[in-house]
C-alpha atoms as a PDB file:
ATOM      1  CA  MET A   1      23.058  -9.491  -6.436  1.00  0.00           C
ATOM      2  CA  SER A   2      20.601  -8.958  -9.218  1.00  0.00           C
ATOM      3  CA  LEU A   3      17.887  -6.399  -9.253  1.00  0.00           C
ATOM      4  CA  ARG A   4      15.379  -9.121  -8.848  1.00  0.00           C
ATOM      5  CA  ASP A   5      17.028 -10.548  -5.816  1.00  0.00           C
ATOM      6  CA  LEU A   6      17.324  -7.080  -4.411  1.00  0.00           C
ATOM      7  CA  TYR A   7      13.663  -6.449  -4.909  1.00  0.00           C
ATOM      8  CA  GLN A   8      12.749  -9.800  -3.239  1.00  0.00           C
ATOM      9  CA  SER A   9      15.019  -8.903  -0.363  1.00  0.00           C
ATOM     10  CA  MET A  10      13.255  -5.595   0.067  1.00  0.00           C
ATOM     11  CA  ILE A  11       9.776  -7.298   0.068  1.00  0.00           C
ATOM     12  CA  VAL A  12      10.836  -9.946   2.503  1.00  0.00           C
ATOM     13  CA  ASP A  13      12.374  -7.301   4.764  1.00  0.00           C
ATOM     14  CA  HIS A  14       9.139  -4.906   4.773  1.00  0.00           C
ATOM     15  CA  GLY A  15       7.021  -8.197   5.192  1.00  0.00           C
ATOM     16  CA  ARG A  16       8.744  -9.263   8.254  1.00  0.00           C
ATOM     17  CA  ASN A  17       9.599  -5.897   9.745  1.00  0.00           C
ATOM     18  CA  PRO A  18       6.885  -3.498   8.510  1.00  0.00           C
ATOM     19  CA  ARG A  19       7.593   0.119   9.056  1.00  0.00           C
ATOM     20  CA  ASN A  20       4.925   2.247  10.620  1.00  0.00           C
ATOM     21  CA  PHE A  21       3.209  -0.739  12.099  1.00  0.00           C
ATOM     22  CA  GLY A  22       1.012   0.206  15.063  1.00  0.00           C
ATOM     23  CA  GLU A  23      -2.311   2.136  15.624  1.00  0.00           C
ATOM     24  CA  LEU A  24      -2.293   5.783  15.084  1.00  0.00           C
ATOM     25  CA  SER A  25      -4.024   7.873  17.501  1.00  0.00           C
ATOM     26  CA  PRO A  26      -5.350  10.359  17.296  1.00  0.00           C
ATOM     27  CA  CYS A  27      -6.018  10.042  13.328  1.00  0.00           C
ATOM     28  CA  THR A  28      -8.156  11.816  11.054  1.00  0.00           C
ATOM     29  CA  HIS A  29      -8.731   8.995   8.431  1.00  0.00           C
ATOM     30  CA  THR A  30      -9.102   5.235   9.130  1.00  0.00           C
ATOM     31  CA  GLN A  31     -10.005   2.067   6.893  1.00  0.00           C
ATOM     32  CA  LYS A  32     -10.146  -1.304   7.381  1.00  0.00           C
ATOM     33  CA  GLY A  33      -9.374  -3.782   4.348  1.00  0.00           C
ATOM     34  CA  TRP A  34      -9.719  -7.374   3.712  1.00  0.00           C
ATOM     35  CA  ASN A  35      -8.562  -9.783   1.160  1.00  0.00           C
ATOM     36  CA  PRO A  36     -10.977 -12.820   1.166  1.00  0.00           C
ATOM     37  CA  LEU A  37      -8.953 -14.663  -1.235  1.00  0.00           C
ATOM     38  CA  CYS A  38      -6.043 -15.165   1.202  1.00  0.00           C
ATOM     39  CA  GLY A  39      -6.978 -13.802   4.515  1.00  0.00           C
ATOM     40  CA  ASP A  40      -4.886 -10.351   4.403  1.00  0.00           C
ATOM     41  CA  GLN A  41      -6.546  -7.936   6.960  1.00  0.00           C
ATOM     42  CA  MET A  42      -5.477  -4.485   7.812  1.00  0.00           C
ATOM     43  CA  THR A  43      -6.481  -1.329   9.176  1.00  0.00           C
ATOM     44  CA  LEU A  44      -4.803   2.054   7.818  1.00  0.00           C
ATOM     45  CA  TYR A  45      -4.427   5.013   9.882  1.00  0.00           C
ATOM     46  CA  LEU A  46      -3.902   8.483   8.577  1.00  0.00           C
ATOM     47  CA  GLN A  47      -3.314  12.034  10.047  1.00  0.00           C
ATOM     48  CA  VAL A  48      -4.209  14.290   7.471  1.00  0.00           C
ATOM     49  CA  ASN A  49      -3.844  18.312   8.101  1.00  0.00           C
ATOM     50  CA  ASN A  50      -4.455  20.993   5.568  1.00  0.00           C
ATOM     51  CA  ASN A  51      -4.846  18.489   2.711  1.00  0.00           C
ATOM     52  CA  GLN A  52      -1.366  16.963   3.511  1.00  0.00           C
ATOM     53  CA  ILE A  53      -0.718  13.367   4.965  1.00  0.00           C
ATOM     54  CA  GLU A  54       1.437  13.987   7.993  1.00  0.00           C
ATOM     55  CA  LYS A  55       1.377  10.415   9.504  1.00  0.00           C
ATOM     56  CA  ALA A  56       0.487   6.986   8.225  1.00  0.00           C
ATOM     57  CA  GLN A  57       0.512   3.803  10.209  1.00  0.00           C
ATOM     58  CA  PHE A  58      -1.068   0.440   9.694  1.00  0.00           C
ATOM     59  CA  VAL A  59      -2.065  -2.875  11.780  1.00  0.00           C
ATOM     60  CA  GLY A  60      -2.915  -6.168  10.157  1.00  0.00           C
ATOM     61  CA  SER A  61      -1.711  -9.507   9.278  1.00  0.00           C
ATOM     62  CA  GLY A  62      -1.287 -11.006   5.734  1.00  0.00           C
ATOM     63  CA  CYS A  63       1.270 -12.476   3.301  1.00  0.00           C
ATOM     64  CA  ALA A  64       4.631 -10.844   2.676  1.00  0.00           C
ATOM     65  CA  ILE A  65       3.515  -9.004  -0.308  1.00  0.00           C
ATOM     66  CA  SER A  66       0.678  -7.632   1.628  1.00  0.00           C
ATOM     67  CA  MET A  67       2.768  -6.388   4.477  1.00  0.00           C
ATOM     68  CA  ALA A  68       5.322  -5.040   2.586  1.00  0.00           C
ATOM     69  CA  SER A  69       2.725  -2.969   0.383  1.00  0.00           C
ATOM     70  CA  ALA A  70       1.393  -1.405   3.348  1.00  0.00           C
ATOM     71  CA  SER A  71       4.666  -0.751   4.953  1.00  0.00           C
ATOM     72  CA  LEU A  72       6.028   0.880   1.617  1.00  0.00           C
ATOM     73  CA  LEU A  73       2.710   2.793   1.308  1.00  0.00           C
ATOM     74  CA  THR A  74       2.999   4.431   4.792  1.00  0.00           C
ATOM     75  CA  GLU A  75       6.722   5.447   4.140  1.00  0.00           C
ATOM     76  CA  ILE A  76       5.899   7.055   0.718  1.00  0.00           C
ATOM     77  CA  VAL A  77       2.426   8.911   1.370  1.00  0.00           C
ATOM     78  CA  VAL A  78       3.733  11.069   4.189  1.00  0.00           C
ATOM     79  CA  GLY A  79       4.220  14.493   3.143  1.00  0.00           C
ATOM     80  CA  LYS A  80       2.182  13.972   0.099  1.00  0.00           C
ATOM     81  CA  THR A  81      -1.046  15.900  -0.566  1.00  0.00           C
ATOM     82  CA  VAL A  82      -4.193  14.016  -0.692  1.00  0.00           C
ATOM     83  CA  GLN A  83      -4.191  14.670  -4.482  1.00  0.00           C
ATOM     84  CA  GLU A  84      -0.621  13.418  -4.987  1.00  0.00           C
ATOM     85  CA  ALA A  85      -1.496  10.172  -2.814  1.00  0.00           C
ATOM     86  CA  ASN A  86      -4.637   9.397  -5.204  1.00  0.00           C
ATOM     87  CA  ALA A  87      -2.572  10.179  -8.180  1.00  0.00           C
ATOM     88  CA  LEU A  88       0.231   7.668  -6.787  1.00  0.00           C
ATOM     89  CA  PHE A  89      -2.583   4.990  -6.016  1.00  0.00           C
ATOM     90  CA  THR A  90      -3.710   5.334  -9.735  1.00  0.00           C
ATOM     91  CA  GLN A  91      -0.212   5.047 -11.098  1.00  0.00           C
ATOM     92  CA  PHE A  92       0.833   1.939  -8.723  1.00  0.00           C
ATOM     93  CA  HIS A  93      -2.497   0.246  -9.487  1.00  0.00           C
ATOM     94  CA  ALA A  94      -2.114   0.661 -13.250  1.00  0.00           C
ATOM     95  CA  VAL A  95       1.369  -0.924 -13.174  1.00  0.00           C
ATOM     96  CA  VAL A  96       0.625  -3.801 -10.884  1.00  0.00           C
ATOM     97  CA  THR A  97      -2.366  -4.496 -12.794  1.00  0.00           C
ATOM     98  CA  GLY A  98      -0.409  -4.516 -15.924  1.00  0.00           C
ATOM     99  CA  SER A  99      -2.425  -2.126 -17.685  1.00  0.00           C
ATOM    100  CA  GLU A 100       0.505   0.595 -17.949  1.00  0.00           C
ATOM    101  CA  PRO A 101       4.119  -0.127 -18.261  1.00  0.00           C
ATOM    102  CA  ALA A 102       6.304   0.602 -15.315  1.00  0.00           C
ATOM    103  CA  ASP A 103       8.151   3.729 -15.063  1.00  0.00           C
ATOM    104  CA  LEU A 104      10.655   2.430 -12.236  1.00  0.00           C
ATOM    105  CA  ASP A 105      12.013   5.960 -11.632  1.00  0.00           C
ATOM    106  CA  ALA A 106       8.394   7.439 -11.140  1.00  0.00           C
ATOM    107  CA  LEU A 107       7.649   4.615  -8.669  1.00  0.00           C
ATOM    108  CA  GLY A 108      10.527   4.863  -6.459  1.00  0.00           C
ATOM    109  CA  LYS A 109      10.455   2.130  -3.728  1.00  0.00           C
ATOM    110  CA  LEU A 110       7.458   0.877  -5.081  1.00  0.00           C
ATOM    111  CA  ALA A 111       9.364  -0.601  -8.140  1.00  0.00           C
ATOM    112  CA  VAL A 112      10.052  -3.694  -5.793  1.00  0.00           C
ATOM    113  CA  LEU A 113       6.285  -4.497  -6.335  1.00  0.00           C
ATOM    114  CA  VAL A 114       5.965  -4.388  -9.948  1.00  0.00           C
ATOM    115  CA  GLY A 115       6.846  -8.182 -10.359  1.00  0.00           C
ATOM    116  CA  VAL A 116       3.301  -8.861  -9.060  1.00  0.00           C
ATOM    117  CA  ALA A 117       1.825  -8.008 -12.362  1.00  0.00           C
ATOM    118  CA  GLU A 118       2.945 -11.530 -13.398  1.00  0.00           C
ATOM    119  CA  PHE A 119       0.857 -13.007 -10.850  1.00  0.00           C
ATOM    120  CA  PRO A 120      -2.578 -11.953 -10.834  1.00  0.00           C
ATOM    121  CA  ALA A 121      -3.629 -13.537  -7.436  1.00  0.00           C
ATOM    122  CA  ARG A 122      -0.952 -11.677  -5.995  1.00  0.00           C
ATOM    123  CA  VAL A 123      -2.063  -8.243  -7.372  1.00  0.00           C
ATOM    124  CA  LYS A 124      -4.963  -8.168  -4.666  1.00  0.00           C
ATOM    125  CA  CYS A 125      -2.321  -8.742  -2.011  1.00  0.00           C
ATOM    126  CA  ALA A 126      -0.284  -5.728  -3.237  1.00  0.00           C
ATOM    127  CA  THR A 127      -3.103  -3.287  -3.790  1.00  0.00           C
ATOM    128  CA  LEU A 128      -4.900  -3.950  -0.655  1.00  0.00           C
ATOM    129  CA  ALA A 129      -3.531  -1.287   1.324  1.00  0.00           C
ATOM    130  CA  TRP A 130      -3.876   1.137  -1.594  1.00  0.00           C
ATOM    131  CA  HIS A 131      -7.484   0.507  -1.957  1.00  0.00           C
ATOM    132  CA  SER A 132      -7.804   1.165   1.744  1.00  0.00           C
ATOM    133  CA  LEU A 133      -5.685   4.482   1.154  1.00  0.00           C
ATOM    134  CA  GLN A 134      -7.997   5.625  -1.405  1.00  0.00           C
ATOM    135  CA  SER A 135     -11.044   4.606   0.594  1.00  0.00           C
ATOM    136  CA  ALA A 136      -9.607   6.414   3.863  1.00  0.00           C
ATOM    137  CA  LEU A 137      -9.114   9.543   1.973  1.00  0.00           C
ATOM    138  CA  ASN A 138     -12.548   9.611   0.534  1.00  0.00           C
ATOM    139  CA  LYS A 139     -13.917   8.743   3.899  1.00  0.00           C
ATOM    140  CA  THR A 140     -15.757   5.636   2.808  1.00  0.00           C
ATOM    141  CA  ASP A 141     -17.340   3.808   5.512  1.00  0.00           C
ATOM    142  CA  ASN A 142     -17.563   0.110   4.240  1.00  0.00           C
ATOM    143  CA  VAL A 143     -14.540  -2.267   4.673  1.00  0.00           C
ATOM    144  CA  VAL A 144     -12.608  -2.383   1.592  1.00  0.00           C
ATOM    145  CA  THR A 145     -12.374  -5.828  -0.088  1.00  0.00           C
ATOM    146  CA  THR A 146     -10.374  -6.921  -2.918  1.00  0.00           C
ATOM    147  CA  GLU A 147     -13.409  -8.853  -4.499  1.00  0.00           C
END
């Protein structure tokens, strides 16, 4: 199996069987996100205590890339500080938008999504959960959109 096949397999798995799917109650941070281009919708829930993300869950519907990205996000940010999560957003966003080369080791599991940089319409699918994360951490009230 090639690395590309492995990555595609992981995206399909997380897309069909998202981890941490479900409403989180109680939660300290929440944010709704919407991608009007393809209809992806999600709500991200976080439990943050003493500047550290203790739990992360989401509900929503969308394409495999959107669901996989949200699923991976909820796995990766748990245990991170708010600052570490914001830095991870910046790094991930730069890679999938093609503005920085990918450091696959630094991205860890998120490396499965670097290929979306080749498909500009899919970048919005991959980054919806991440924009929702950043907005939730900043306690922004408006629904996050990719437009």
